Amino acid sequence: MLRIIRTRTYDALHAERGEHERTRLQLDQAVSDLARQRAHFGEARRLTEAAAQELIEQAHAERDEARAERDKLRTELDAARAQVLLDAEDRVALRMLLRSVRKQAAPVDRVYALFHRGTLLSLHRSVEAAERAAEAEGAPRDGWTAHQPGAALPPACEVTWRVQPLTVQGAPSP
């Protein structure tokens, strides 16, 4: 079976085929352009993500540095506060020492002699200081009795430890 085609129809089919070829070439070009665009977009996206990751890492590093600096400053602040408290305590202790020195700087009208079996060991400003010195020498911590002024003292050899007040001559009377 043969088909007879008119020239005009044949030319129209030929033109249509040419049109299809041009459309197919344009479509192939569009597909290749799309592939290039996707590749370009992928590369741009990868670079953008890398830059974003780098910025995030930099921000984390700066945050960690800031936290470390904050912790260091807190430590320094705590140390400064502790030093201020110690300085205040030192000032209180110095005031107390100055008061005690001023009290001790007052003229002495009597001293307290520490005797061991009648032998003079040392002189002290107070009974308490003499008793502490006796305890340091081995005297018992208890059993101390106060001597009544004007009462007769037992013989020195009969008393192991004795604290005896002595008046300083030439001291002004209160």
Protein backbone atom coordinates (compact mmCIF):
# COMPACT_ATOMS: atom_id res chain seq x y z
CA MET A 1 0.00 0.00 0.00
CA LEU A 2 1.31 3.16 -1.13
CA ARG A 3 0.23 6.37 0.08
CA ILE A 4 0.25 9.41 -1.95
CA ILE A 5 1.13 12.56 -0.14
CA ARG A 6 0.75 15.92 -1.58
CA THR A 7 3.71 18.22 -1.74
CA ARG A 8 2.09 20.73 0.45
CA THR A 9 1.39 18.14 3.11
CA TYR A 10 4.87 16.81 2.68
CA ASP A 11 6.35 20.28 3.12
CA ALA A 12 4.13 20.88 6.16
CA LEU A 13 5.29 17.59 7.71
CA HIS A 14 8.85 18.47 6.94
CA ALA A 15 8.42 21.93 8.52
CA GLU A 16 6.72 20.36 11.51
CA ARG A 17 9.58 17.88 11.84
CA GLY A 18 12.07 20.76 11.74
CA GLU A 19 10.04 22.55 14.37
CA HIS A 20 10.11 19.43 16.54
CA GLU A 21 13.86 19.18 16.10
CA ARG A 22 14.34 22.81 17.13
CA THR A 23 12.03 22.29 20.11
CA ARG A 24 13.96 19.14 21.07
CA LEU A 25 17.28 21.03 20.78
CA GLN A 26 15.88 23.87 22.88
CA LEU A 27 14.63 21.34 25.44
CA ASP A 28 18.05 19.62 25.53
CA GLN A 29 19.68 23.04 25.96
CA ALA A 30 17.26 23.88 28.76
CA VAL A 31 17.99 20.55 30.49
CA SER A 32 21.76 21.11 30.26
CA ASP A 33 21.29 24.72 31.51
CA LEU A 34 19.21 23.38 34.39
CA ALA A 35 21.91 20.84 35.23
CA ARG A 36 24.56 23.60 35.23
CA GLN A 37 22.32 25.80 37.37
CA ARG A 38 21.78 22.94 39.84
CA ALA A 39 25.52 22.33 40.03
CA HIS A 40 26.14 26.05 40.53
CA PHE A 41 23.39 26.22 43.17
CA GLY A 42 24.83 23.14 44.92
CA GLU A 43 28.29 24.72 45.02
CA ALA A 44 26.85 28.03 46.28
CA ARG A 45 24.85 26.17 48.93
CA ARG A 46 27.94 24.22 50.04
CA LEU A 47 29.97 27.44 50.29
CA THR A 48 27.16 29.16 52.19
CA GLU A 49 26.83 26.25 54.62
CA ALA A 50 30.62 26.18 55.12
CA ALA A 51 30.64 29.93 55.81
CA ALA A 52 27.70 29.57 58.18
CA GLN A 53 29.42 26.69 59.99
CA GLU A 54 32.59 28.76 60.28
CA LEU A 55 30.59 31.67 61.74
CA ILE A 56 28.89 29.31 64.20
CA GLU A 57 32.25 27.89 65.30
CA GLN A 58 33.65 31.39 65.67
CA ALA A 59 30.63 32.43 67.75
CA HIS A 60 31.04 29.35 69.96
CA ALA A 61 34.74 30.12 70.45
CA GLU A 62 33.96 33.74 71.37
CA ARG A 63 31.24 32.55 73.74
CA ASP A 64 33.66 30.13 75.42
CA GLU A 65 36.28 32.88 75.74
CA ALA A 66 33.68 35.20 77.26
CA ARG A 67 32.62 32.50 79.74
CA ALA A 68 36.23 31.83 80.70
CA GLU A 69 36.81 35.56 81.20
CA ARG A 70 33.61 35.79 83.26
CA ASP A 71 34.70 32.87 85.45
CA LYS A 72 38.16 34.42 85.87
CA LEU A 73 36.62 37.75 86.87
CA ARG A 74 34.27 36.00 89.31
CA THR A 75 37.24 34.24 90.89
CA GLU A 76 39.11 37.53 91.17
CA LEU A 77 36.02 39.20 92.64
CA ASP A 78 35.61 36.43 95.22
CA ALA A 79 39.30 36.71 96.11
CA ALA A 80 38.96 40.50 96.42
CA ARG A 81 35.90 40.11 98.65
CA ALA A 82 37.74 37.60 100.81
CA GLN A 83 40.72 39.95 101.01
CA VAL A 84 38.44 42.81 102.03
CA LEU A 85 36.99 40.63 104.80
CA LEU A 86 40.47 39.59 105.91
CA ASP A 87 41.58 43.23 105.88
CA ALA A 88 38.58 44.14 108.02
CA GLU A 89 39.40 41.31 110.43
CA ASP A 90 43.03 42.43 110.48
CA ARG A 91 41.95 45.99 111.31
CA VAL A 92 39.81 44.69 114.19
CA ALA A 93 42.70 42.56 115.46
CA LEU A 94 45.09 45.50 115.17
CA ARG A 95 42.70 47.72 117.11
CA MET A 96 42.50 45.09 119.84
CA LEU A 97 46.29 44.82 119.92
CA LEU A 98 46.62 48.59 120.10
CA ARG A 99 44.17 48.70 123.00
CA SER A 100 46.03 45.99 124.85
CA VAL A 101 49.37 47.74 124.17
CA ARG A 102 47.92 51.02 125.41
CA LYS A 103 46.64 49.28 128.53
CA GLN A 104 50.03 47.67 129.06
CA ALA A 105 51.75 50.97 128.48
CA ALA A 106 50.06 52.31 131.59
CA PRO A 107 52.41 52.63 134.58
CA VAL A 108 52.70 49.40 136.55
CA ASP A 109 52.23 49.61 140.32
CA ARG A 110 52.62 45.89 140.94
CA VAL A 111 53.98 42.77 139.31
CA TYR A 112 53.23 39.12 139.97
CA ALA A 113 56.16 36.89 140.82
CA LEU A 114 56.05 33.19 139.97
CA PHE A 115 57.82 30.98 142.53
CA HIS A 116 58.55 27.27 142.25
CA ARG A 117 59.31 25.71 145.66
CA GLY A 118 60.40 29.12 146.92
CA THR A 119 62.66 29.93 143.91
CA LEU A 120 61.77 32.98 141.81
CA LEU A 121 61.13 31.90 138.19
CA SER A 122 59.66 34.99 136.48
CA LEU A 123 57.76 38.28 136.82
CA HIS A 124 54.45 38.98 135.06
CA ARG A 125 51.98 41.85 134.59
CA SER A 126 48.95 39.79 135.62
CA VAL A 127 48.03 36.77 137.67
CA GLU A 128 46.72 35.06 134.54
CA ALA A 129 50.04 35.54 132.74
CA ALA A 130 51.92 34.09 135.72
CA GLU A 131 49.57 31.10 135.87
CA ARG A 132 50.02 30.49 132.11
CA ALA A 133 53.80 30.56 132.59
CA ALA A 134 53.53 28.08 135.47
CA GLU A 135 51.35 25.77 133.37
CA ALA A 136 53.94 25.98 130.60
CA GLU A 137 56.56 24.86 133.17
CA GLY A 138 54.42 21.84 134.14
CA ALA A 139 52.12 23.13 136.90
CA PRO A 140 48.64 21.57 137.07
CA ARG A 141 45.90 23.58 135.35
CA ASP A 142 43.65 23.60 138.42
CA GLY A 143 44.16 23.95 142.11
CA TRP A 144 45.27 27.57 142.11
CA THR A 145 44.22 29.50 145.16
CA ALA A 146 44.22 33.22 145.56
CA HIS A 147 46.36 34.70 148.30
CA GLN A 148 44.49 37.00 150.62
CA PRO A 149 46.27 40.34 151.03
CA GLY A 150 47.51 40.76 154.61
CA ALA A 151 47.29 37.03 155.41
CA ALA A 152 50.42 35.16 156.37
CA LEU A 153 52.05 33.17 153.57
CA PRO A 154 52.93 29.52 154.17
CA PRO A 155 56.64 28.75 153.98
CA ALA A 156 57.93 28.69 150.38
CA CYS A 157 59.24 25.12 150.61
CA GLU A 158 55.72 23.86 151.45
CA VAL A 159 54.19 25.39 148.29
CA THR A 160 55.14 23.90 144.90
CA TRP A 161 53.87 26.82 142.78
CA ARG A 162 53.09 30.28 144.05
CA VAL A 163 52.07 33.54 142.37
CA GLN A 164 52.73 36.43 144.69
CA PRO A 165 51.91 40.10 144.01
CA LEU A 166 54.78 42.48 144.61
CA THR A 167 54.43 46.27 144.80
CA VAL A 168 56.79 48.23 142.58
CA GLN A 169 58.56 50.94 144.58
CA GLY A 170 58.38 54.41 143.17
CA ALA A 171 55.22 53.66 141.18
CA PRO A 172 52.56 56.36 141.42
CA SER A 173 49.59 55.44 143.59
CA PRO A 174 46.20 55.25 141.93
